[in-house]
Amino acid sequence: MRPEAIRTDCCHWFVMRDLKRSNAKLPAYKMLRDMGYKVFTPMRWRLSKRGGRNEKVLEPVIRDLLFVNSSREELDPVVEEVRTLQYRFQKGAPRGSVMEVPVLEMERFMAAVGSIEEPVYYGPEEIQPSMIGKKVEVVGGALHGYVGHLLAVKGVRKKRIILQLPGIISVAVEVNPEYIKIVK
C-alpha cells in the first residue's frame, strides 16, 4: 500500500498486537508510521547498558500494544501481508469483534499522556480497587475538562488522576492540586 493512499484521522483507532520479538529492528509501530499511518504506542524511558555504558532508551510500555488510526478497508491488506501484526479482539463479544477506541477518546488519552514528561502506565489487571480514589474533574491547566479518579497510593504526595481506555490500558497523570474539583 502506498503512503499517499492512506487517509489520516479516520473514524476508528484499532487496537493491534505486534508479535515481533522485542529486539526486532522494525517493530510494527515504526513500520506502520513509515507507511503513512497515524500510530500511537504508549512509551517510557528505561536505562539500558550498551557498550558498557548506561543510556536512556525509549521503549513501548507494553511490547505488543499499538493503536492505529485507519479504516478496516485500508488496514486489512496490511494485516494479511504482515503475519506478525494482528487485531486485538474483544473478550466476550461475538467472534471477530475487533477492539476499537473512538477517535475523541483516543485523542484525549494521547493529549493527557503528552501533557507530562513521564506518565505512569498500568495494565487492566494492575489497577486495584484500593488504588481508585475519589472521582474528580480537572478545572484549568493542560488537562482542563478531564474526568477521572484520584490515584490513591500510600506514600505518594503528588496528585495524579487515572485515565483509562477500559480493558486496554490506564495512565496516571500528575495534576496540580489547585485544578482538582471533586465530582459528587
N, C-alpha and C. Protein backbone atom coordinates (compact mmCIF):
# COMPACT_ATOMS: atom_id res chain seq x y z
N MET A 1 0.84 -1.18 0.00
CA MET A 1 0.00 0.00 0.00
C MET A 1 0.89 1.24 0.00
N ARG A 2 0.56 2.21 -0.82
CA ARG A 2 1.36 3.43 -0.91
C ARG A 2 0.91 4.41 0.17
N PRO A 3 1.88 5.11 0.83
CA PRO A 3 1.51 6.05 1.88
C PRO A 3 0.54 7.13 1.43
N GLU A 4 0.64 7.60 0.19
CA GLU A 4 -0.23 8.69 -0.26
C GLU A 4 -1.69 8.23 -0.37
N ALA A 5 -1.93 6.91 -0.36
CA ALA A 5 -3.29 6.40 -0.47
C ALA A 5 -3.97 6.28 0.89
N ILE A 6 -3.22 6.51 1.96
CA ILE A 6 -3.74 6.33 3.30
C ILE A 6 -4.33 7.62 3.83
N ARG A 7 -5.57 7.52 4.32
CA ARG A 7 -6.20 8.67 4.95
C ARG A 7 -5.74 8.75 6.40
N THR A 8 -5.68 9.96 6.93
CA THR A 8 -5.39 10.10 8.35
C THR A 8 -6.64 10.61 9.03
N ASP A 9 -6.64 10.51 10.34
CA ASP A 9 -7.76 10.95 11.15
C ASP A 9 -9.07 10.27 10.73
N CYS A 10 -9.02 8.97 10.54
CA CYS A 10 -10.21 8.20 10.23
C CYS A 10 -11.10 8.11 11.46
N CYS A 11 -12.18 7.43 11.33
CA CYS A 11 -13.16 7.38 12.41
C CYS A 11 -12.85 6.31 13.46
N HIS A 12 -11.79 5.54 13.30
CA HIS A 12 -11.51 4.46 14.26
C HIS A 12 -10.03 4.42 14.63
N TRP A 13 -9.77 4.10 15.88
CA TRP A 13 -8.44 3.73 16.33
C TRP A 13 -8.53 2.25 16.66
N PHE A 14 -7.85 1.43 15.89
CA PHE A 14 -7.86 -0.01 16.12
C PHE A 14 -6.77 -0.38 17.10
N VAL A 15 -7.09 -1.30 18.01
CA VAL A 15 -6.13 -1.80 18.98
C VAL A 15 -5.50 -3.02 18.34
N MET A 16 -4.16 -3.00 18.24
CA MET A 16 -3.44 -4.03 17.49
C MET A 16 -2.38 -4.70 18.37
N ARG A 17 -1.90 -5.85 17.88
CA ARG A 17 -0.81 -6.60 18.50
C ARG A 17 0.34 -6.70 17.52
N ASP A 18 1.55 -6.54 18.05
CA ASP A 18 2.77 -6.75 17.27
C ASP A 18 3.47 -7.96 17.85
N LEU A 19 3.51 -9.06 17.10
CA LEU A 19 4.08 -10.31 17.60
C LEU A 19 5.57 -10.46 17.32
N LYS A 20 6.21 -9.40 16.82
CA LYS A 20 7.65 -9.48 16.58
C LYS A 20 8.40 -9.56 17.91
N ARG A 21 9.61 -10.07 17.85
CA ARG A 21 10.44 -10.13 19.05
C ARG A 21 10.75 -8.73 19.55
N SER A 22 11.02 -8.60 20.83
CA SER A 22 11.26 -7.29 21.42
C SER A 22 12.48 -6.59 20.84
N ASN A 23 13.43 -7.33 20.29
CA ASN A 23 14.63 -6.71 19.73
C ASN A 23 14.55 -6.56 18.20
N ALA A 24 13.36 -6.65 17.64
CA ALA A 24 13.19 -6.52 16.19
C ALA A 24 13.65 -5.14 15.74
N LYS A 25 14.31 -5.10 14.59
CA LYS A 25 14.82 -3.83 14.06
C LYS A 25 13.69 -2.90 13.61
N LEU A 26 12.58 -3.47 13.13
CA LEU A 26 11.47 -2.65 12.65
C LEU A 26 10.16 -3.13 13.28
N PRO A 27 9.88 -2.64 14.51
CA PRO A 27 8.60 -3.03 15.13
C PRO A 27 7.43 -2.47 14.33
N ALA A 28 6.26 -3.03 14.55
CA ALA A 28 5.07 -2.66 13.76
C ALA A 28 4.75 -1.18 13.86
N TYR A 29 4.91 -0.56 15.05
CA TYR A 29 4.56 0.85 15.15
C TYR A 29 5.44 1.72 14.26
N LYS A 30 6.70 1.35 14.10
CA LYS A 30 7.60 2.11 13.20
C LYS A 30 7.26 1.80 11.74
N MET A 31 7.02 0.53 11.44
CA MET A 31 6.69 0.13 10.07
C MET A 31 5.43 0.85 9.59
N LEU A 32 4.38 0.84 10.42
CA LEU A 32 3.12 1.48 10.04
C LEU A 32 3.28 3.00 9.91
N ARG A 33 4.06 3.60 10.80
CA ARG A 33 4.33 5.03 10.70
C ARG A 33 5.05 5.35 9.38
N ASP A 34 6.02 4.52 9.02
CA ASP A 34 6.75 4.70 7.75
C ASP A 34 5.82 4.55 6.55
N MET A 35 4.76 3.76 6.71
CA MET A 35 3.79 3.56 5.62
C MET A 35 2.78 4.70 5.54
N GLY A 36 2.82 5.61 6.51
CA GLY A 36 1.92 6.76 6.47
C GLY A 36 0.73 6.69 7.41
N TYR A 37 0.66 5.66 8.23
CA TYR A 37 -0.44 5.55 9.18
C TYR A 37 -0.17 6.41 10.41
N LYS A 38 -1.24 6.86 11.05
CA LYS A 38 -1.14 7.55 12.32
C LYS A 38 -1.17 6.46 13.39
N VAL A 39 -0.09 6.37 14.19
CA VAL A 39 0.08 5.29 15.15
C VAL A 39 0.39 5.87 16.53
N PHE A 40 -0.15 5.26 17.56
CA PHE A 40 0.19 5.63 18.93
C PHE A 40 0.60 4.38 19.67
N THR A 41 1.76 4.44 20.32
CA THR A 41 2.24 3.36 21.16
C THR A 41 2.66 3.98 22.49
N PRO A 42 2.07 3.56 23.60
CA PRO A 42 2.49 4.09 24.90
C PRO A 42 3.97 3.77 25.13
N MET A 43 4.77 4.81 25.41
CA MET A 43 6.22 4.64 25.53
C MET A 43 6.70 5.10 26.91
N ARG A 44 7.88 4.59 27.31
CA ARG A 44 8.52 5.01 28.55
C ARG A 44 10.03 4.99 28.36
N TRP A 45 10.73 5.73 29.21
CA TRP A 45 12.19 5.75 29.20
C TRP A 45 12.69 4.65 30.14
N ARG A 46 13.75 3.97 29.72
CA ARG A 46 14.35 2.91 30.52
C ARG A 46 15.86 3.01 30.38
N LEU A 47 16.59 2.73 31.46
CA LEU A 47 18.04 2.70 31.38
C LEU A 47 18.48 1.37 30.80
N SER A 48 19.39 1.41 29.86
CA SER A 48 19.88 0.20 29.20
C SER A 48 21.40 0.28 29.09
N LYS A 49 22.06 -0.86 29.25
CA LYS A 49 23.52 -0.91 29.09
C LYS A 49 23.85 -1.19 27.64
N ARG A 50 24.62 -0.31 27.05
CA ARG A 50 25.09 -0.51 25.68
C ARG A 50 26.57 -0.17 25.64
N GLY A 51 27.37 -1.13 25.25
CA GLY A 51 28.81 -0.90 25.18
C GLY A 51 29.40 -0.56 26.54
N GLY A 52 28.82 -1.13 27.61
CA GLY A 52 29.35 -0.89 28.95
C GLY A 52 28.88 0.42 29.58
N ARG A 53 28.06 1.18 28.85
CA ARG A 53 27.58 2.47 29.38
C ARG A 53 26.07 2.45 29.51
N ASN A 54 25.57 3.15 30.51
CA ASN A 54 24.13 3.29 30.68
C ASN A 54 23.63 4.40 29.77
N GLU A 55 22.54 4.14 29.08
CA GLU A 55 21.91 5.20 28.29
C GLU A 55 20.40 5.03 28.35
N LYS A 56 19.71 6.16 28.23
CA LYS A 56 18.25 6.14 28.26
C LYS A 56 17.73 5.70 26.90
N VAL A 57 16.78 4.76 26.93
CA VAL A 57 16.19 4.23 25.71
C VAL A 57 14.67 4.36 25.82
N LEU A 58 14.04 4.86 24.76
CA LEU A 58 12.59 4.95 24.72
C LEU A 58 12.04 3.64 24.18
N GLU A 59 11.14 3.00 24.95
CA GLU A 59 10.61 1.70 24.55
C GLU A 59 9.11 1.63 24.82
N PRO A 60 8.41 0.74 24.12
CA PRO A 60 6.98 0.57 24.39
C PRO A 60 6.74 0.06 25.82
N VAL A 61 5.70 0.57 26.45
CA VAL A 61 5.33 0.14 27.79
C VAL A 61 4.87 -1.32 27.76
N ILE A 62 4.00 -1.63 26.80
CA ILE A 62 3.55 -3.00 26.58
C ILE A 62 4.02 -3.35 25.18
N ARG A 63 4.97 -4.26 25.11
CA ARG A 63 5.70 -4.53 23.87
C ARG A 63 4.82 -4.78 22.66
N ASP A 64 3.70 -5.46 22.86
CA ASP A 64 2.90 -5.83 21.69
C ASP A 64 1.67 -4.96 21.47
N LEU A 65 1.54 -3.83 22.17
CA LEU A 65 0.36 -2.98 22.07
C LEU A 65 0.60 -1.75 21.20
N LEU A 66 -0.30 -1.53 20.23
CA LEU A 66 -0.26 -0.30 19.45
C LEU A 66 -1.67 0.04 19.00
N PHE A 67 -1.88 1.31 18.69
CA PHE A 67 -3.16 1.81 18.23
C PHE A 67 -2.95 2.41 16.85
N VAL A 68 -3.83 2.10 15.92
CA VAL A 68 -3.68 2.58 14.54
C VAL A 68 -4.97 3.27 14.11
N ASN A 69 -4.83 4.51 13.62
CA ASN A 69 -5.96 5.28 13.13
C ASN A 69 -6.12 5.00 11.65
N SER A 70 -7.18 4.25 11.32
CA SER A 70 -7.38 3.86 9.92
C SER A 70 -8.79 3.30 9.77
N SER A 71 -9.04 2.76 8.59
CA SER A 71 -10.28 2.03 8.34
C SER A 71 -9.91 0.57 8.12
N ARG A 72 -10.87 -0.32 8.30
CA ARG A 72 -10.61 -1.74 8.08
C ARG A 72 -10.20 -2.00 6.63
N GLU A 73 -10.82 -1.27 5.70
CA GLU A 73 -10.50 -1.47 4.27
C GLU A 73 -9.03 -1.19 3.99
N GLU A 74 -8.46 -0.20 4.65
CA GLU A 74 -7.05 0.15 4.43
C GLU A 74 -6.11 -0.74 5.23
N LEU A 75 -6.54 -1.15 6.42
CA LEU A 75 -5.66 -1.88 7.32
C LEU A 75 -5.67 -3.39 7.08
N ASP A 76 -6.79 -3.95 6.64
CA ASP A 76 -6.88 -5.40 6.42
C ASP A 76 -5.79 -5.96 5.50
N PRO A 77 -5.51 -5.32 4.34
CA PRO A 77 -4.45 -5.87 3.48
C PRO A 77 -3.08 -5.90 4.15
N VAL A 78 -2.80 -4.92 5.00
CA VAL A 78 -1.51 -4.88 5.71
C VAL A 78 -1.46 -6.02 6.73
N VAL A 79 -2.56 -6.23 7.45
CA VAL A 79 -2.62 -7.31 8.44
C VAL A 79 -2.47 -8.67 7.76
N GLU A 80 -3.05 -8.83 6.57
CA GLU A 80 -2.91 -10.09 5.83
C GLU A 80 -1.47 -10.31 5.37
N GLU A 81 -0.80 -9.24 4.97
CA GLU A 81 0.56 -9.34 4.45
C GLU A 81 1.60 -9.51 5.56
N VAL A 82 1.44 -8.80 6.66
CA VAL A 82 2.40 -8.84 7.77
C VAL A 82 1.87 -9.81 8.82
N ARG A 83 2.41 -11.01 8.84
CA ARG A 83 1.88 -12.07 9.70
C ARG A 83 2.05 -11.80 11.20
N THR A 84 2.97 -10.90 11.56
CA THR A 84 3.20 -10.60 12.97
C THR A 84 2.34 -9.44 13.47
N LEU A 85 1.45 -8.94 12.64
CA LEU A 85 0.55 -7.85 13.02
C LEU A 85 -0.87 -8.40 13.09
N GLN A 86 -1.54 -8.18 14.22
CA GLN A 86 -2.89 -8.71 14.40
C GLN A 86 -3.78 -7.66 15.07
N TYR A 87 -5.07 -7.80 14.81
CA TYR A 87 -6.05 -7.02 15.56
C TYR A 87 -6.19 -7.66 16.93
N ARG A 88 -6.53 -6.86 17.93
CA ARG A 88 -6.93 -7.40 19.23
C ARG A 88 -8.44 -7.55 19.20
N PHE A 89 -8.94 -8.63 19.76
CA PHE A 89 -10.37 -8.91 19.74
C PHE A 89 -10.98 -8.70 21.11
N GLN A 90 -12.25 -8.30 21.13
CA GLN A 90 -12.96 -8.04 22.37
C GLN A 90 -13.33 -9.35 23.06
N LYS A 91 -13.05 -9.41 24.34
CA LYS A 91 -13.44 -10.59 25.12
C LYS A 91 -14.95 -10.56 25.34
N GLY A 92 -15.57 -11.71 25.21
CA GLY A 92 -17.00 -11.83 25.47
C GLY A 92 -17.90 -11.26 24.38
N ALA A 93 -17.32 -10.72 23.32
CA ALA A 93 -18.10 -10.18 22.21
C ALA A 93 -18.24 -11.25 21.13
N PRO A 94 -19.13 -11.04 20.16
CA PRO A 94 -19.25 -12.01 19.07
C PRO A 94 -17.90 -12.22 18.37
N ARG A 95 -17.69 -13.41 17.89
CA ARG A 95 -16.43 -13.76 17.22
C ARG A 95 -16.11 -12.75 16.12
N GLY A 96 -14.86 -12.31 16.09
CA GLY A 96 -14.42 -11.38 15.06
C GLY A 96 -14.62 -9.91 15.40
N SER A 97 -15.08 -9.60 16.62
CA SER A 97 -15.27 -8.20 17.03
C SER A 97 -13.93 -7.62 17.46
N VAL A 98 -13.36 -6.77 16.61
CA VAL A 98 -12.05 -6.19 16.93
C VAL A 98 -12.22 -5.04 17.92
N MET A 99 -11.17 -4.80 18.69
CA MET A 99 -11.19 -3.71 19.67
C MET A 99 -10.95 -2.39 18.94
N GLU A 100 -11.80 -1.43 19.24
CA GLU A 100 -11.68 -0.09 18.68
C GLU A 100 -11.81 0.92 19.80
N VAL A 101 -11.17 2.07 19.63
CA VAL A 101 -11.30 3.18 20.57
C VAL A 101 -11.83 4.36 19.76
N PRO A 102 -12.92 4.99 20.23
CA PRO A 102 -13.43 6.16 19.50
C PRO A 102 -12.37 7.25 19.37
N VAL A 103 -12.40 7.97 18.26
CA VAL A 103 -11.38 8.98 17.95
C VAL A 103 -11.25 10.00 19.08
N LEU A 104 -12.35 10.56 19.55
CA LEU A 104 -12.29 11.59 20.58
C LEU A 104 -11.66 11.06 21.86
N GLU A 105 -12.05 9.86 22.27
CA GLU A 105 -11.50 9.26 23.49
C GLU A 105 -9.99 9.02 23.34
N MET A 106 -9.56 8.55 22.16
CA MET A 106 -8.14 8.28 21.93
C MET A 106 -7.35 9.58 21.89
N GLU A 107 -7.89 10.60 21.23
CA GLU A 107 -7.18 11.88 21.16
C GLU A 107 -7.03 12.50 22.54
N ARG A 108 -8.06 12.39 23.38
CA ARG A 108 -7.97 12.91 24.75
C ARG A 108 -6.93 12.13 25.55
N PHE A 109 -6.90 10.82 25.38
CA PHE A 109 -5.91 9.99 26.08
C PHE A 109 -4.49 10.39 25.64
N MET A 110 -4.28 10.53 24.34
CA MET A 110 -2.95 10.89 23.83
C MET A 110 -2.54 12.28 24.31
N ALA A 111 -3.50 13.22 24.35
CA ALA A 111 -3.19 14.58 24.81
C ALA A 111 -2.80 14.56 26.29
N ALA A 112 -3.50 13.76 27.09
CA ALA A 112 -3.17 13.66 28.52
C ALA A 112 -1.78 13.08 28.71
N VAL A 113 -1.47 12.02 27.97
CA VAL A 113 -0.15 11.39 28.06
C VAL A 113 0.93 12.37 27.61
N GLY A 114 0.64 13.13 26.57
CA GLY A 114 1.62 14.09 26.05
C GLY A 114 1.80 15.32 26.92
N SER A 115 0.92 15.52 27.90
CA SER A 115 0.98 16.71 28.73
C SER A 115 2.01 16.62 29.85
N ILE A 116 2.52 15.42 30.11
CA ILE A 116 3.50 15.27 31.18
C ILE A 116 4.73 14.54 30.66
N GLU A 117 5.84 14.70 31.39
CA GLU A 117 7.10 14.14 30.95
C GLU A 117 7.17 12.61 31.06
N GLU A 118 6.76 12.08 32.21
CA GLU A 118 6.84 10.64 32.41
C GLU A 118 5.53 10.08 32.96
N PRO A 119 4.59 9.74 32.06
CA PRO A 119 3.33 9.15 32.53
C PRO A 119 3.58 7.78 33.15
N VAL A 120 2.71 7.40 34.07
CA VAL A 120 2.80 6.08 34.71
C VAL A 120 1.65 5.24 34.16
N TYR A 121 2.01 4.18 33.44
CA TYR A 121 1.00 3.32 32.81
C TYR A 121 0.70 2.11 33.68
N TYR A 122 -0.54 1.63 33.52
CA TYR A 122 -0.99 0.42 34.21
C TYR A 122 -1.76 -0.43 33.22
N GLY A 123 -1.53 -1.74 33.28
CA GLY A 123 -2.35 -2.67 32.51
C GLY A 123 -3.68 -2.86 33.23
N PRO A 124 -4.69 -3.41 32.55
CA PRO A 124 -6.01 -3.58 33.17
C PRO A 124 -5.96 -4.39 34.47
N GLU A 125 -5.10 -5.37 34.54
CA GLU A 125 -5.02 -6.22 35.74
C GLU A 125 -4.25 -5.56 36.88
N GLU A 126 -3.55 -4.47 36.62
CA GLU A 126 -2.75 -3.81 37.65
C GLU A 126 -3.55 -2.80 38.49
N ILE A 127 -4.66 -2.33 37.98
CA ILE A 127 -5.47 -1.37 38.72
C ILE A 127 -6.31 -2.11 39.75
N GLN A 128 -6.01 -1.89 41.00
CA GLN A 128 -6.74 -2.50 42.11
C GLN A 128 -7.80 -1.53 42.61
N PRO A 129 -8.92 -2.01 43.10
CA PRO A 129 -9.96 -1.11 43.63
C PRO A 129 -9.43 -0.15 44.69
N SER A 130 -8.45 -0.60 45.47
CA SER A 130 -7.89 0.25 46.53
C SER A 130 -7.10 1.44 45.96
N MET A 131 -6.71 1.37 44.69
CA MET A 131 -5.95 2.46 44.07
C MET A 131 -6.86 3.58 43.55
N ILE A 132 -8.13 3.27 43.41
CA ILE A 132 -9.05 4.24 42.81
C ILE A 132 -9.69 5.08 43.92
N GLY A 133 -9.35 6.35 43.89
CA GLY A 133 -9.87 7.27 44.89
C GLY A 133 -11.11 7.99 44.40
N LYS A 134 -11.30 9.19 44.90
CA LYS A 134 -12.49 9.98 44.58
C LYS A 134 -12.52 10.36 43.10
N LYS A 135 -13.73 10.46 42.58
CA LYS A 135 -13.92 10.91 41.19
C LYS A 135 -13.69 12.42 41.17
N VAL A 136 -12.87 12.87 40.21
CA VAL A 136 -12.53 14.29 40.12
C VAL A 136 -12.62 14.80 38.69
N GLU A 137 -12.73 16.12 38.58
CA GLU A 137 -12.66 16.80 37.29
C GLU A 137 -11.52 17.79 37.38
N VAL A 138 -10.77 17.92 36.29
CA VAL A 138 -9.68 18.88 36.24
C VAL A 138 -10.24 20.19 35.70
N VAL A 139 -10.08 21.27 36.47
CA VAL A 139 -10.59 22.58 36.10
C VAL A 139 -9.40 23.52 35.97
N GLY A 140 -8.93 23.72 34.74
CA GLY A 140 -7.78 24.57 34.48
C GLY A 140 -6.56 23.75 34.10
N GLY A 141 -5.58 24.44 33.57
CA GLY A 141 -4.34 23.78 33.18
C GLY A 141 -4.46 22.99 31.90
N ALA A 142 -3.41 22.21 31.59
CA ALA A 142 -3.34 21.46 30.34
C ALA A 142 -4.39 20.35 30.24
N LEU A 143 -4.87 19.86 31.37
CA LEU A 143 -5.84 18.76 31.36
C LEU A 143 -7.27 19.22 31.66
N HIS A 144 -7.53 20.49 31.45
CA HIS A 144 -8.85 21.06 31.74
C HIS A 144 -9.96 20.22 31.08
N GLY A 145 -10.97 19.88 31.90
CA GLY A 145 -12.11 19.14 31.38
C GLY A 145 -12.01 17.64 31.53
N TYR A 146 -10.85 17.13 31.87
CA TYR A 146 -10.71 15.67 32.04
C TYR A 146 -11.39 15.24 33.32
N VAL A 147 -12.02 14.07 33.28
CA VAL A 147 -12.65 13.47 34.44
C VAL A 147 -11.98 12.12 34.65
N GLY A 148 -11.64 11.85 35.90
CA GLY A 148 -11.01 10.58 36.23
C GLY A 148 -11.11 10.34 37.71
N HIS A 149 -10.32 9.41 38.21
CA HIS A 149 -10.30 9.12 39.64
C HIS A 149 -8.90 9.42 40.16
N LEU A 150 -8.85 9.94 41.39
CA LEU A 150 -7.55 10.17 42.01
C LEU A 150 -6.85 8.83 42.22
N LEU A 151 -5.56 8.83 42.01
CA LEU A 151 -4.76 7.65 42.27
C LEU A 151 -4.47 7.64 43.77
N ALA A 152 -4.89 6.61 44.43
CA ALA A 152 -4.72 6.50 45.88
C ALA A 152 -3.62 5.49 46.18
N VAL A 153 -2.38 5.97 46.27
CA VAL A 153 -1.26 5.11 46.59
C VAL A 153 -0.56 5.71 47.80
N LYS A 154 -0.38 4.91 48.84
CA LYS A 154 0.25 5.40 50.07
C LYS A 154 1.68 5.84 49.79
N GLY A 155 2.06 6.96 50.42
CA GLY A 155 3.42 7.45 50.32
C GLY A 155 3.67 8.34 49.11
N VAL A 156 2.68 8.55 48.26
CA VAL A 156 2.86 9.39 47.09
C VAL A 156 2.21 10.74 47.37
N ARG A 157 3.00 11.79 47.34
CA ARG A 157 2.49 13.12 47.64
C ARG A 157 1.88 13.81 46.42
N LYS A 158 2.38 13.47 45.26
CA LYS A 158 1.89 14.11 44.04
C LYS A 158 0.45 13.69 43.78
N LYS A 159 -0.34 14.59 43.28
CA LYS A 159 -1.72 14.28 42.92
C LYS A 159 -1.73 13.80 41.48
N ARG A 160 -2.23 12.61 41.30
CA ARG A 160 -2.35 12.03 39.96
C ARG A 160 -3.78 11.55 39.78
N ILE A 161 -4.26 11.67 38.53
CA ILE A 161 -5.56 11.08 38.23
C ILE A 161 -5.35 9.93 37.25
N ILE A 162 -6.25 8.96 37.35
CA ILE A 162 -6.18 7.79 36.47
C ILE A 162 -7.14 8.02 35.31
N LEU A 163 -6.61 7.92 34.10
CA LEU A 163 -7.41 7.99 32.88
C LEU A 163 -7.34 6.61 32.25
N GLN A 164 -8.47 6.10 31.79
CA GLN A 164 -8.50 4.72 31.30
C GLN A 164 -9.03 4.60 29.88
N LEU A 165 -8.45 3.66 29.16
CA LEU A 165 -9.05 3.10 27.96
C LEU A 165 -9.48 1.73 28.47
N PRO A 166 -10.72 1.59 28.90
CA PRO A 166 -11.18 0.39 29.63
C PRO A 166 -10.80 -0.93 28.97
N GLY A 167 -10.21 -1.80 29.79
CA GLY A 167 -9.83 -3.13 29.34
C GLY A 167 -8.56 -3.17 28.51
N ILE A 168 -7.95 -2.00 28.28
CA ILE A 168 -6.74 -1.96 27.44
C ILE A 168 -5.55 -1.46 28.24
N ILE A 169 -5.62 -0.19 28.68
CA ILE A 169 -4.50 0.42 29.40
C ILE A 169 -5.02 1.64 30.16
N SER A 170 -4.35 1.95 31.27
CA SER A 170 -4.66 3.13 32.07
C SER A 170 -3.37 3.91 32.25
N VAL A 171 -3.52 5.20 32.50
CA VAL A 171 -2.36 6.04 32.75
C VAL A 171 -2.67 6.95 33.92
N ALA A 172 -1.68 7.17 34.77
CA ALA A 172 -1.81 8.11 35.88
C ALA A 172 -1.01 9.35 35.49
N VAL A 173 -1.69 10.49 35.45
CA VAL A 173 -1.03 11.73 35.07
C VAL A 173 -1.09 12.71 36.23
N GLU A 174 0.01 13.43 36.41
CA GLU A 174 0.12 14.37 37.51
C GLU A 174 -0.72 15.62 37.22
N VAL A 175 -1.41 16.09 38.26
CA VAL A 175 -2.26 17.27 38.14
C VAL A 175 -1.96 18.21 39.30
N ASN A 176 -1.91 19.48 39.00
CA ASN A 176 -1.73 20.49 40.04
C ASN A 176 -2.94 20.43 40.96
N PRO A 177 -2.74 20.28 42.28
CA PRO A 177 -3.87 20.14 43.21
C PRO A 177 -4.89 21.28 43.12
N GLU A 178 -4.48 22.46 42.77
CA GLU A 178 -5.44 23.58 42.70
C GLU A 178 -6.43 23.44 41.55
N TYR A 179 -6.15 22.55 40.60
CA TYR A 179 -7.05 22.32 39.46
C TYR A 179 -8.02 21.17 39.69
N ILE A 180 -7.93 20.50 40.83
CA ILE A 180 -8.76 19.33 41.08
C ILE A 180 -10.06 19.72 41.77
N LYS A 181 -11.17 19.26 41.19
CA LYS A 181 -12.50 19.51 41.75
C LYS A 181 -13.15 18.14 41.95
N ILE A 182 -13.59 17.87 43.18
CA ILE A 182 -14.25 16.61 43.49
C ILE A 182 -15.62 16.58 42.81
N VAL A 183 -15.92 15.47 42.14
CA VAL A 183 -17.21 15.29 41.47
C VAL A 183 -18.09 14.44 42.38
N LYS A 184 -19.32 14.88 42.62
CA LYS A 184 -20.23 14.13 43.51
C LYS A 184 -21.15 13.26 42.71
